[in-house]
Amino acid sequence: MKYTRFEKARIIGSRALQISYGAPVLVDYPGDMLDPIDIAMLEFEKDMVPITVIRD
């Protein structure tokens, strides 16, 4: 599915918030990567984000 830039920003932001509150990370990431936004972007790039978009 192709996402708009607004959907992508919302997905990454929501996932980063979940990660910062202690949600399990679904991809392997380097130990020096501590920023939840970077981890969420890595998950998004690997298509592992457990968030869906419903369009009307």
C-alpha atoms as a PDB file:
ATOM      1  CA  MET A   1       0.000   0.000   0.000  1.00  0.00           C
ATOM      2  CA  LYS A   2       1.290   3.445  -0.886  1.00  0.00           C
ATOM      3  CA  TYR A   3       0.950   5.927   1.980  1.00  0.00           C
ATOM      4  CA  THR A   4       0.702   9.682   1.745  1.00  0.00           C
ATOM      5  CA  ARG A   5       3.321  11.729   3.574  1.00  0.00           C
ATOM      6  CA  PHE A   6       0.721  12.583   6.217  1.00  0.00           C
ATOM      7  CA  GLU A   7      -0.150   8.934   6.826  1.00  0.00           C
ATOM      8  CA  LYS A   8       3.531   8.043   7.007  1.00  0.00           C
ATOM      9  CA  ALA A   9       4.183  10.801   9.555  1.00  0.00           C
ATOM     10  CA  ARG A  10       1.229   9.689  11.677  1.00  0.00           C
ATOM     11  CA  ILE A  11       2.233   6.017  11.565  1.00  0.00           C
ATOM     12  CA  ILE A  12       5.863   6.701  12.485  1.00  0.00           C
ATOM     13  CA  GLY A  13       4.871   9.170  15.216  1.00  0.00           C
ATOM     14  CA  SER A  14       2.354   6.795  16.774  1.00  0.00           C
ATOM     15  CA  ARG A  15       4.770   3.870  16.668  1.00  0.00           C
ATOM     16  CA  ALA A  16       7.570   5.980  18.163  1.00  0.00           C
ATOM     17  CA  LEU A  17       5.262   6.913  21.037  1.00  0.00           C
ATOM     18  CA  GLN A  18       4.443   3.244  21.615  1.00  0.00           C
ATOM     19  CA  ILE A  19       8.146   2.344  21.622  1.00  0.00           C
ATOM     20  CA  SER A  20       8.986   5.157  24.037  1.00  0.00           C
ATOM     21  CA  TYR A  21       6.356   3.789  26.442  1.00  0.00           C
ATOM     22  CA  GLY A  22       7.931   0.333  26.371  1.00  0.00           C
ATOM     23  CA  ALA A  23       6.250  -1.528  23.517  1.00  0.00           C
ATOM     24  CA  PRO A  24       8.368  -4.372  22.135  1.00  0.00           C
ATOM     25  CA  VAL A  25      10.443  -3.515  19.070  1.00  0.00           C
ATOM     26  CA  LEU A  26       9.723  -5.779  16.108  1.00  0.00           C
ATOM     27  CA  VAL A  27      13.042  -5.455  14.232  1.00  0.00           C
ATOM     28  CA  ASP A  28      16.687  -5.885  15.134  1.00  0.00           C
ATOM     29  CA  TYR A  29      18.359  -2.499  15.499  1.00  0.00           C
ATOM     30  CA  PRO A  30      21.896  -1.368  16.352  1.00  0.00           C
ATOM     31  CA  GLY A  31      22.626  -0.913  20.046  1.00  0.00           C
ATOM     32  CA  ASP A  32      23.591   2.722  19.575  1.00  0.00           C
ATOM     33  CA  MET A  33      20.186   3.591  18.057  1.00  0.00           C
ATOM     34  CA  LEU A  34      18.279   4.936  21.054  1.00  0.00           C
ATOM     35  CA  ASP A  35      15.826   7.407  19.497  1.00  0.00           C
ATOM     36  CA  PRO A  36      12.330   5.886  19.233  1.00  0.00           C
ATOM     37  CA  ILE A  37      11.672   7.833  16.017  1.00  0.00           C
ATOM     38  CA  ASP A  38      14.685   6.230  14.326  1.00  0.00           C
ATOM     39  CA  ILE A  39      13.559   2.784  15.463  1.00  0.00           C
ATOM     40  CA  ALA A  40      10.004   3.453  14.226  1.00  0.00           C
ATOM     41  CA  MET A  41      11.359   4.592  10.843  1.00  0.00           C
ATOM     42  CA  LEU A  42      13.438   1.406  10.627  1.00  0.00           C
ATOM     43  CA  GLU A  43      10.324  -0.656  11.331  1.00  0.00           C
ATOM     44  CA  PHE A  44       8.408   1.309   8.688  1.00  0.00           C
ATOM     45  CA  GLU A  45      11.121   0.762   6.079  1.00  0.00           C
ATOM     46  CA  LYS A  46      11.081  -2.989   6.761  1.00  0.00           C
ATOM     47  CA  ASP A  47       7.263  -3.027   6.627  1.00  0.00           C
ATOM     48  CA  MET A  48       6.970  -4.359  10.195  1.00  0.00           C
ATOM     49  CA  VAL A  49       4.784  -1.653  11.767  1.00  0.00           C
ATOM     50  CA  PRO A  50       1.664  -3.152  13.367  1.00  0.00           C
ATOM     51  CA  ILE A  51      -0.516  -0.153  12.424  1.00  0.00           C
ATOM     52  CA  THR A  52      -3.007  -0.137   9.564  1.00  0.00           C
ATOM     53  CA  VAL A  53      -4.648   2.673   7.636  1.00  0.00           C
ATOM     54  CA  ILE A  54      -8.327   2.465   6.730  1.00  0.00           C
ATOM     55  CA  ARG A  55      -9.502   4.709   3.920  1.00  0.00           C
ATOM     56  CA  ASP A  56     -13.068   5.496   2.966  1.00  0.00           C
END
